[in-house]
Amino acid sequence: SFPTRRSSDLDTTGSLIICKNDKAHECIASQLEEHSIKREYLAIVTGVIDKDGVIDKPIGRSSSDRKKMCVTPGGKRAVTHYEVIKIFEHFTLIKCRLETGRTHQIRVHMASIGHPVAGDTVYGNGAKTPIPTYGQALHAYIIGFIHPVTKEYIELTAPLPDYFSLFIKLSEKV
């Protein structure tokens, strides 16, 4: 089954850390604050990006729409590293690594350089896609962290959802 359409990060598929108690929460929160959790996302963005890059632009709440975030001089520092994986006729598959973790960071950053995430109704441009995206085409692919109890490093990879794989397959044929 496919997720229902929403305009939040609830449409992002993939890995998620859930803490079962306060001690675990404190440990994970500390790693987030230190930026030591590995977070890699796959995204299909509109348009063609022909080289890897880094977006270092501050993000804060939009003054015109309090539900949205935006690139703004008064925002908090936000850094997204992206790598081009595959170029299609009208889209690009990229891998994003977050150096910081701001609300909607990838979606805001990619839209700010003119390449919004496909299917993103909040920050996107409404571009037609080869198949329905059931929200933004953004997938938390890899997550790595120190386990709060065992203190061992754990790295998890989440397989792509069917619609994401189908989007890529159909885009290759164009």
N, C-alpha and C. Protein backbone atom coordinates (compact mmCIF):
# COMPACT_ATOMS: atom_id res chain seq x y z
N SER A 1 0.84 -1.19 0.00
CA SER A 1 0.00 0.00 0.00
C SER A 1 0.87 1.24 0.00
N PHE A 2 0.32 2.35 -0.45
CA PHE A 2 1.05 3.60 -0.55
C PHE A 2 0.62 4.53 0.57
N PRO A 3 1.52 5.40 1.03
CA PRO A 3 1.12 6.38 2.05
C PRO A 3 0.12 7.37 1.47
N THR A 4 -0.66 7.97 2.34
CA THR A 4 -1.59 8.99 1.89
C THR A 4 -0.83 10.29 1.66
N ARG A 5 -1.40 11.19 0.86
CA ARG A 5 -0.73 12.45 0.56
C ARG A 5 -0.84 13.41 1.73
N ARG A 6 0.27 13.94 2.15
CA ARG A 6 0.34 14.97 3.17
C ARG A 6 1.43 15.93 2.73
N SER A 7 1.53 17.07 3.39
CA SER A 7 2.53 18.05 2.98
C SER A 7 3.66 18.16 4.00
N SER A 8 3.88 17.14 4.80
CA SER A 8 4.91 17.22 5.83
C SER A 8 5.97 16.16 5.58
N ASP A 9 6.88 16.01 6.52
CA ASP A 9 7.90 14.97 6.41
C ASP A 9 7.32 13.58 6.61
N LEU A 10 6.04 13.48 6.94
CA LEU A 10 5.41 12.17 7.07
C LEU A 10 5.43 11.42 5.76
N ASP A 11 5.58 12.12 4.64
CA ASP A 11 5.66 11.48 3.33
C ASP A 11 7.05 10.96 3.03
N THR A 12 8.04 11.32 3.80
CA THR A 12 9.38 10.81 3.59
C THR A 12 9.41 9.36 4.03
N THR A 13 9.91 8.50 3.15
CA THR A 13 9.97 7.08 3.46
C THR A 13 11.34 6.73 4.04
N GLY A 14 11.49 5.49 4.53
CA GLY A 14 12.78 5.00 4.96
C GLY A 14 12.95 4.84 6.44
N SER A 15 14.20 4.95 6.88
CA SER A 15 14.59 4.68 8.26
C SER A 15 14.21 5.80 9.21
N LEU A 16 13.95 5.39 10.44
CA LEU A 16 13.54 6.32 11.48
C LEU A 16 14.03 5.76 12.81
N ILE A 17 14.59 6.61 13.66
CA ILE A 17 15.00 6.17 15.00
C ILE A 17 13.85 6.45 15.96
N ILE A 18 13.48 5.44 16.72
CA ILE A 18 12.45 5.59 17.76
C ILE A 18 13.08 5.18 19.09
N CYS A 19 13.01 6.06 20.06
CA CYS A 19 13.59 5.80 21.37
C CYS A 19 12.52 5.24 22.30
N LYS A 20 12.87 4.16 23.02
CA LYS A 20 11.89 3.49 23.88
C LYS A 20 11.86 4.02 25.30
N ASN A 21 12.85 4.82 25.67
CA ASN A 21 12.86 5.36 27.04
C ASN A 21 13.66 6.66 27.07
N ASP A 22 13.63 7.34 28.22
CA ASP A 22 14.30 8.64 28.34
C ASP A 22 15.81 8.54 28.16
N LYS A 23 16.42 7.47 28.68
CA LYS A 23 17.88 7.31 28.57
C LYS A 23 18.28 7.20 27.09
N ALA A 24 17.55 6.39 26.35
CA ALA A 24 17.84 6.23 24.92
C ALA A 24 17.62 7.56 24.20
N HIS A 25 16.56 8.27 24.56
CA HIS A 25 16.27 9.56 23.94
C HIS A 25 17.39 10.55 24.18
N GLU A 26 17.90 10.60 25.41
CA GLU A 26 19.00 11.52 25.72
C GLU A 26 20.25 11.19 24.91
N CYS A 27 20.52 9.90 24.76
CA CYS A 27 21.71 9.46 24.00
C CYS A 27 21.58 9.85 22.53
N ILE A 28 20.44 9.57 21.94
CA ILE A 28 20.22 9.90 20.52
C ILE A 28 20.19 11.42 20.33
N ALA A 29 19.54 12.14 21.24
CA ALA A 29 19.48 13.60 21.15
C ALA A 29 20.88 14.20 21.21
N SER A 30 21.74 13.62 22.05
CA SER A 30 23.12 14.09 22.16
C SER A 30 23.86 13.87 20.83
N GLN A 31 23.66 12.71 20.21
CA GLN A 31 24.30 12.44 18.93
C GLN A 31 23.79 13.38 17.84
N LEU A 32 22.51 13.68 17.87
CA LEU A 32 21.95 14.64 16.90
C LEU A 32 22.57 16.02 17.09
N GLU A 33 22.71 16.43 18.35
CA GLU A 33 23.29 17.74 18.65
C GLU A 33 24.74 17.83 18.20
N GLU A 34 25.46 16.72 18.33
CA GLU A 34 26.88 16.66 17.92
C GLU A 34 27.03 16.45 16.42
N HIS A 35 25.93 16.22 15.73
CA HIS A 35 25.92 15.93 14.29
C HIS A 35 26.72 14.66 13.98
N SER A 36 26.67 13.67 14.89
CA SER A 36 27.43 12.44 14.68
C SER A 36 26.58 11.30 14.11
N ILE A 37 25.29 11.50 13.95
CA ILE A 37 24.45 10.48 13.34
C ILE A 37 24.58 10.59 11.83
N LYS A 38 24.87 9.46 11.20
CA LYS A 38 24.99 9.42 9.75
C LYS A 38 23.58 9.37 9.17
N ARG A 39 23.26 10.32 8.29
CA ARG A 39 21.94 10.37 7.65
C ARG A 39 22.13 10.62 6.17
N GLU A 40 21.80 9.63 5.38
CA GLU A 40 21.88 9.77 3.93
C GLU A 40 20.50 9.51 3.34
N TYR A 41 20.10 10.38 2.44
CA TYR A 41 18.80 10.30 1.81
C TYR A 41 18.97 10.15 0.31
N LEU A 42 18.02 9.49 -0.32
CA LEU A 42 17.92 9.49 -1.77
C LEU A 42 16.74 10.38 -2.12
N ALA A 43 16.90 11.18 -3.15
CA ALA A 43 15.83 12.07 -3.57
C ALA A 43 15.81 12.15 -5.09
N ILE A 44 14.61 12.26 -5.61
CA ILE A 44 14.45 12.55 -7.02
C ILE A 44 14.05 14.01 -7.08
N VAL A 45 14.87 14.82 -7.74
CA VAL A 45 14.60 16.26 -7.83
C VAL A 45 14.26 16.63 -9.26
N THR A 46 13.51 17.71 -9.41
CA THR A 46 13.13 18.15 -10.75
C THR A 46 14.31 18.85 -11.42
N GLY A 47 14.37 18.70 -12.71
CA GLY A 47 15.45 19.32 -13.47
C GLY A 47 16.71 18.48 -13.46
N VAL A 48 17.69 18.94 -14.19
CA VAL A 48 18.96 18.22 -14.32
C VAL A 48 20.04 18.92 -13.53
N ILE A 49 20.66 18.17 -12.64
CA ILE A 49 21.84 18.64 -11.90
C ILE A 49 23.00 17.83 -12.45
N ASP A 50 24.04 18.50 -12.93
CA ASP A 50 25.12 17.77 -13.58
C ASP A 50 26.38 17.60 -12.75
N LYS A 51 26.39 18.15 -11.52
CA LYS A 51 27.56 17.93 -10.68
C LYS A 51 27.18 17.95 -9.20
N ASP A 52 28.01 17.32 -8.39
CA ASP A 52 27.80 17.27 -6.95
C ASP A 52 27.96 18.66 -6.36
N GLY A 53 27.43 18.85 -5.15
CA GLY A 53 27.56 20.16 -4.54
C GLY A 53 27.22 20.17 -3.06
N VAL A 54 27.38 21.35 -2.49
CA VAL A 54 27.07 21.60 -1.08
C VAL A 54 26.20 22.84 -1.02
N ILE A 55 25.12 22.75 -0.26
CA ILE A 55 24.27 23.92 -0.03
C ILE A 55 24.46 24.31 1.42
N ASP A 56 24.98 25.50 1.65
CA ASP A 56 25.21 26.03 3.00
C ASP A 56 24.42 27.33 3.10
N LYS A 57 23.14 27.19 3.45
CA LYS A 57 22.25 28.34 3.55
C LYS A 57 21.42 28.22 4.82
N PRO A 58 21.28 29.31 5.57
CA PRO A 58 20.51 29.25 6.82
C PRO A 58 19.01 29.04 6.56
N ILE A 59 18.40 28.26 7.44
CA ILE A 59 16.97 27.96 7.32
C ILE A 59 16.24 28.44 8.57
N GLY A 60 15.10 29.07 8.35
CA GLY A 60 14.24 29.53 9.45
C GLY A 60 12.78 29.46 9.02
N ARG A 61 11.90 29.78 9.93
CA ARG A 61 10.47 29.75 9.65
C ARG A 61 10.11 30.88 8.69
N SER A 62 9.23 30.60 7.75
CA SER A 62 8.76 31.59 6.79
C SER A 62 7.91 32.64 7.51
N SER A 63 8.13 33.90 7.19
CA SER A 63 7.32 34.97 7.81
C SER A 63 5.94 35.07 7.17
N SER A 64 5.80 34.55 5.95
CA SER A 64 4.50 34.63 5.26
C SER A 64 3.63 33.40 5.50
N ASP A 65 4.24 32.26 5.85
CA ASP A 65 3.48 31.04 6.12
C ASP A 65 4.17 30.29 7.25
N ARG A 66 3.64 30.35 8.44
CA ARG A 66 4.28 29.79 9.63
C ARG A 66 4.45 28.27 9.58
N LYS A 67 3.75 27.60 8.64
CA LYS A 67 3.89 26.15 8.50
C LYS A 67 5.09 25.77 7.65
N LYS A 68 5.65 26.76 6.94
CA LYS A 68 6.75 26.49 6.02
C LYS A 68 8.07 27.01 6.58
N MET A 69 9.14 26.41 6.11
CA MET A 69 10.48 26.87 6.40
C MET A 69 11.01 27.52 5.12
N CYS A 70 12.07 28.32 5.26
CA CYS A 70 12.66 28.95 4.08
C CYS A 70 14.11 29.29 4.35
N VAL A 71 14.84 29.54 3.27
CA VAL A 71 16.21 30.05 3.40
C VAL A 71 16.07 31.52 3.77
N THR A 72 16.69 31.90 4.88
CA THR A 72 16.57 33.27 5.37
C THR A 72 17.84 33.65 6.13
N PRO A 73 18.31 34.88 5.98
CA PRO A 73 19.54 35.31 6.66
C PRO A 73 19.48 35.15 8.18
N GLY A 74 18.30 35.26 8.77
CA GLY A 74 18.17 35.14 10.22
C GLY A 74 17.99 33.72 10.71
N GLY A 75 18.05 32.74 9.80
CA GLY A 75 17.82 31.34 10.17
C GLY A 75 19.05 30.69 10.78
N LYS A 76 18.88 29.42 11.13
CA LYS A 76 19.99 28.63 11.69
C LYS A 76 20.79 28.02 10.55
N ARG A 77 22.09 27.87 10.78
CA ARG A 77 22.97 27.31 9.75
C ARG A 77 22.47 25.92 9.36
N ALA A 78 22.45 25.66 8.07
CA ALA A 78 22.02 24.38 7.54
C ALA A 78 22.92 24.01 6.36
N VAL A 79 23.44 22.78 6.39
CA VAL A 79 24.36 22.33 5.34
C VAL A 79 23.91 20.97 4.80
N THR A 80 23.70 20.93 3.49
CA THR A 80 23.32 19.70 2.80
C THR A 80 24.36 19.41 1.72
N HIS A 81 24.94 18.21 1.75
CA HIS A 81 25.86 17.76 0.71
C HIS A 81 25.05 16.87 -0.23
N TYR A 82 25.17 17.08 -1.54
CA TYR A 82 24.44 16.21 -2.46
C TYR A 82 25.38 15.68 -3.53
N GLU A 83 25.05 14.47 -3.97
CA GLU A 83 25.85 13.76 -4.98
C GLU A 83 24.89 13.28 -6.06
N VAL A 84 25.24 13.54 -7.30
CA VAL A 84 24.41 13.10 -8.42
C VAL A 84 24.62 11.60 -8.62
N ILE A 85 23.51 10.86 -8.60
CA ILE A 85 23.56 9.41 -8.82
C ILE A 85 23.21 9.07 -10.26
N LYS A 86 22.11 9.67 -10.76
CA LYS A 86 21.67 9.38 -12.13
C LYS A 86 20.88 10.57 -12.67
N ILE A 87 21.13 10.88 -13.92
CA ILE A 87 20.44 11.99 -14.57
C ILE A 87 19.43 11.41 -15.57
N PHE A 88 18.20 11.91 -15.50
CA PHE A 88 17.14 11.54 -16.43
C PHE A 88 16.83 12.75 -17.29
N GLU A 89 15.84 12.65 -18.16
CA GLU A 89 15.52 13.76 -19.04
C GLU A 89 15.04 15.00 -18.27
N HIS A 90 14.16 14.79 -17.28
CA HIS A 90 13.58 15.92 -16.56
C HIS A 90 13.82 15.86 -15.04
N PHE A 91 14.54 14.88 -14.59
CA PHE A 91 14.75 14.66 -13.15
C PHE A 91 16.18 14.22 -12.91
N THR A 92 16.61 14.32 -11.65
CA THR A 92 17.93 13.83 -11.24
C THR A 92 17.77 13.06 -9.94
N LEU A 93 18.36 11.88 -9.89
CA LEU A 93 18.41 11.10 -8.65
C LEU A 93 19.68 11.51 -7.92
N ILE A 94 19.52 11.97 -6.68
CA ILE A 94 20.67 12.42 -5.89
C ILE A 94 20.70 11.71 -4.54
N LYS A 95 21.89 11.69 -3.95
CA LYS A 95 22.06 11.25 -2.57
C LYS A 95 22.41 12.49 -1.77
N CYS A 96 21.72 12.69 -0.65
CA CYS A 96 21.97 13.84 0.21
C CYS A 96 22.50 13.36 1.55
N ARG A 97 23.52 14.04 2.03
CA ARG A 97 24.04 13.79 3.38
C ARG A 97 23.86 15.07 4.17
N LEU A 98 23.20 14.93 5.31
CA LEU A 98 22.96 16.10 6.16
C LEU A 98 24.11 16.32 7.11
N GLU A 99 24.64 17.52 7.09
CA GLU A 99 25.64 17.92 8.08
C GLU A 99 24.94 18.50 9.31
N THR A 100 23.81 19.13 9.07
CA THR A 100 22.97 19.68 10.14
C THR A 100 21.60 19.04 9.99
N GLY A 101 20.69 19.35 10.85
CA GLY A 101 19.37 18.74 10.78
C GLY A 101 18.26 19.73 11.05
N ARG A 102 17.90 20.50 10.06
CA ARG A 102 16.82 21.47 10.20
C ARG A 102 15.53 20.90 9.63
N THR A 103 14.42 21.42 10.10
CA THR A 103 13.12 20.99 9.61
C THR A 103 13.02 21.19 8.10
N HIS A 104 12.66 20.13 7.39
CA HIS A 104 12.49 20.15 5.93
C HIS A 104 13.76 20.56 5.18
N GLN A 105 14.92 20.33 5.77
CA GLN A 105 16.17 20.85 5.23
C GLN A 105 16.41 20.50 3.77
N ILE A 106 16.33 19.23 3.41
CA ILE A 106 16.62 18.85 2.03
C ILE A 106 15.61 19.50 1.08
N ARG A 107 14.35 19.46 1.47
CA ARG A 107 13.29 20.00 0.62
C ARG A 107 13.48 21.50 0.41
N VAL A 108 13.80 22.24 1.46
CA VAL A 108 14.01 23.68 1.37
C VAL A 108 15.27 23.99 0.57
N HIS A 109 16.36 23.29 0.87
CA HIS A 109 17.61 23.56 0.17
C HIS A 109 17.52 23.26 -1.32
N MET A 110 16.94 22.11 -1.68
CA MET A 110 16.87 21.77 -3.10
C MET A 110 15.97 22.75 -3.85
N ALA A 111 14.87 23.15 -3.23
CA ALA A 111 13.99 24.15 -3.86
C ALA A 111 14.72 25.48 -4.02
N SER A 112 15.60 25.81 -3.06
CA SER A 112 16.30 27.10 -3.10
C SER A 112 17.29 27.20 -4.26
N ILE A 113 17.72 26.05 -4.80
CA ILE A 113 18.63 26.08 -5.96
C ILE A 113 17.89 25.74 -7.26
N GLY A 114 16.56 25.75 -7.19
CA GLY A 114 15.76 25.54 -8.39
C GLY A 114 15.52 24.09 -8.76
N HIS A 115 15.76 23.16 -7.82
CA HIS A 115 15.56 21.73 -8.07
C HIS A 115 14.77 21.11 -6.93
N PRO A 116 13.48 21.48 -6.82
CA PRO A 116 12.68 20.92 -5.72
C PRO A 116 12.52 19.41 -5.83
N VAL A 117 12.28 18.77 -4.71
CA VAL A 117 12.04 17.33 -4.67
C VAL A 117 10.75 17.03 -5.43
N ALA A 118 10.80 16.05 -6.31
CA ALA A 118 9.62 15.66 -7.09
C ALA A 118 8.48 15.29 -6.15
N GLY A 119 7.29 15.76 -6.48
CA GLY A 119 6.11 15.43 -5.69
C GLY A 119 5.92 16.27 -4.45
N ASP A 120 6.80 17.21 -4.19
CA ASP A 120 6.69 18.05 -2.99
C ASP A 120 5.70 19.17 -3.28
N THR A 121 4.53 19.08 -2.65
CA THR A 121 3.49 20.08 -2.90
C THR A 121 3.70 21.36 -2.10
N VAL A 122 4.58 21.34 -1.11
CA VAL A 122 4.83 22.52 -0.28
C VAL A 122 5.94 23.38 -0.87
N TYR A 123 7.08 22.78 -1.18
CA TYR A 123 8.24 23.54 -1.67
C TYR A 123 8.49 23.33 -3.17
N GLY A 124 7.74 22.43 -3.78
CA GLY A 124 7.96 22.09 -5.18
C GLY A 124 7.24 23.02 -6.12
N ASN A 125 7.40 22.72 -7.40
CA ASN A 125 6.80 23.56 -8.43
C ASN A 125 5.66 22.87 -9.15
N GLY A 126 5.19 21.75 -8.64
CA GLY A 126 4.07 21.05 -9.25
C GLY A 126 4.40 20.37 -10.56
N ALA A 127 5.68 20.06 -10.80
CA ALA A 127 6.09 19.41 -12.05
C ALA A 127 5.44 18.03 -12.17
N LYS A 128 5.05 17.69 -13.39
CA LYS A 128 4.47 16.37 -13.66
C LYS A 128 5.55 15.31 -13.46
N THR A 129 5.13 14.18 -12.93
CA THR A 129 6.05 13.06 -12.70
C THR A 129 5.55 11.85 -13.47
N PRO A 130 6.43 10.89 -13.82
CA PRO A 130 6.00 9.74 -14.62
C PRO A 130 4.95 8.87 -13.92
N ILE A 131 4.98 8.83 -12.61
CA ILE A 131 3.97 8.11 -11.83
C ILE A 131 3.67 8.94 -10.59
N PRO A 132 2.55 8.67 -9.91
CA PRO A 132 2.28 9.40 -8.67
C PRO A 132 3.39 9.13 -7.65
N THR A 133 3.82 10.18 -6.95
CA THR A 133 4.89 10.01 -5.95
C THR A 133 4.36 9.80 -4.55
N TYR A 134 3.05 9.99 -4.32
CA TYR A 134 2.47 9.80 -2.99
C TYR A 134 3.20 10.63 -1.95
N GLY A 135 3.47 11.86 -2.32
CA GLY A 135 4.23 12.77 -1.47
C GLY A 135 5.57 13.04 -2.13
N GLN A 136 6.47 13.67 -1.40
CA GLN A 136 7.77 13.98 -1.97
C GLN A 136 8.60 12.72 -2.16
N ALA A 137 9.38 12.68 -3.24
CA ALA A 137 10.24 11.54 -3.56
C ALA A 137 11.54 11.68 -2.77
N LEU A 138 11.43 11.46 -1.46
CA LEU A 138 12.56 11.61 -0.54
C LEU A 138 12.56 10.40 0.38
N HIS A 139 13.71 9.72 0.47
CA HIS A 139 13.81 8.45 1.18
C HIS A 139 15.02 8.45 2.11
N ALA A 140 14.79 8.22 3.40
CA ALA A 140 15.87 8.10 4.38
C ALA A 140 16.54 6.75 4.16
N TYR A 141 17.58 6.74 3.37
CA TYR A 141 18.20 5.51 2.88
C TYR A 141 19.12 4.85 3.91
N ILE A 142 20.01 5.63 4.50
CA ILE A 142 20.96 5.08 5.48
C ILE A 142 20.91 5.91 6.75
N ILE A 143 20.90 5.22 7.87
CA ILE A 143 21.01 5.90 9.16
C ILE A 143 22.01 5.12 10.00
N GLY A 144 22.95 5.83 10.61
CA GLY A 144 23.98 5.20 11.42
C GLY A 144 24.15 5.96 12.72
N PHE A 145 24.25 5.22 13.84
CA PHE A 145 24.35 5.85 15.16
C PHE A 145 24.94 4.87 16.16
N ILE A 146 25.34 5.40 17.30
CA ILE A 146 25.84 4.57 18.40
C ILE A 146 24.62 4.12 19.20
N HIS A 147 24.47 2.81 19.36
CA HIS A 147 23.33 2.27 20.10
C HIS A 147 23.40 2.73 21.56
N PRO A 148 22.30 3.26 22.10
CA PRO A 148 22.30 3.81 23.47
C PRO A 148 22.66 2.80 24.56
N VAL A 149 22.40 1.51 24.34
CA VAL A 149 22.67 0.50 25.37
C VAL A 149 23.99 -0.23 25.12
N THR A 150 24.16 -0.78 23.90
CA THR A 150 25.35 -1.58 23.60
C THR A 150 26.57 -0.74 23.29
N LYS A 151 26.36 0.54 22.94
CA LYS A 151 27.43 1.48 22.55
C LYS A 151 28.13 1.06 21.26
N GLU A 152 27.52 0.15 20.52
CA GLU A 152 28.06 -0.28 19.24
C GLU A 152 27.49 0.61 18.14
N TYR A 153 28.28 0.84 17.09
CA TYR A 153 27.80 1.60 15.95
C TYR A 153 26.87 0.71 15.13
N ILE A 154 25.71 1.22 14.80
CA ILE A 154 24.73 0.51 13.99
C ILE A 154 24.46 1.35 12.75
N GLU A 155 24.44 0.68 11.60
CA GLU A 155 24.09 1.37 10.36
C GLU A 155 23.03 0.55 9.65
N LEU A 156 21.92 1.20 9.35
CA LEU A 156 20.78 0.53 8.73
C LEU A 156 20.50 1.14 7.37
N THR A 157 20.14 0.28 6.42
CA THR A 157 19.77 0.72 5.08
C THR A 157 18.33 0.31 4.84
N ALA A 158 17.51 1.24 4.41
CA ALA A 158 16.11 0.97 4.12
C ALA A 158 15.92 0.81 2.62
N PRO A 159 15.32 -0.30 2.18
CA PRO A 159 15.08 -0.47 0.74
C PRO A 159 14.12 0.58 0.22
N LEU A 160 14.26 0.91 -1.05
CA LEU A 160 13.37 1.89 -1.67
C LEU A 160 11.95 1.35 -1.74
N PRO A 161 10.96 2.22 -1.52
CA PRO A 161 9.58 1.78 -1.70
C PRO A 161 9.31 1.51 -3.18
N ASP A 162 8.31 0.70 -3.46
CA ASP A 162 8.01 0.31 -4.84
C ASP A 162 7.80 1.51 -5.76
N TYR A 163 7.04 2.51 -5.32
CA TYR A 163 6.75 3.63 -6.21
C TYR A 163 8.02 4.40 -6.58
N PHE A 164 9.00 4.45 -5.66
CA PHE A 164 10.26 5.16 -5.90
C PHE A 164 11.06 4.42 -6.96
N SER A 165 11.16 3.09 -6.82
CA SER A 165 11.87 2.26 -7.79
C SER A 165 11.20 2.34 -9.15
N LEU A 166 9.86 2.32 -9.17
CA LEU A 166 9.12 2.41 -10.43
C LEU A 166 9.34 3.77 -11.10
N PHE A 167 9.37 4.82 -10.31
CA PHE A 167 9.64 6.16 -10.83
C PHE A 167 10.99 6.16 -11.56
N ILE A 168 12.02 5.60 -10.93
CA ILE A 168 13.35 5.55 -11.53
C ILE A 168 13.32 4.73 -12.82
N LYS A 169 12.67 3.57 -12.76
CA LYS A 169 12.61 2.67 -13.94
C LYS A 169 11.91 3.37 -15.10
N LEU A 170 10.78 4.01 -14.83
CA LEU A 170 10.05 4.69 -15.91
C LEU A 170 10.79 5.90 -16.43
N SER A 171 11.51 6.60 -15.56
CA SER A 171 12.29 7.77 -15.98
C SER A 171 13.45 7.39 -16.88
N GLU A 172 13.99 6.18 -16.68
CA GLU A 172 15.10 5.69 -17.51
C GLU A 172 14.66 5.47 -18.95
N LYS A 173 13.38 5.16 -19.14
CA LYS A 173 12.86 4.86 -20.48
C LYS A 173 12.55 6.10 -21.29
N VAL A 174 12.49 7.26 -20.63
CA VAL A 174 12.12 8.49 -21.34
C VAL A 174 13.26 8.98 -22.20
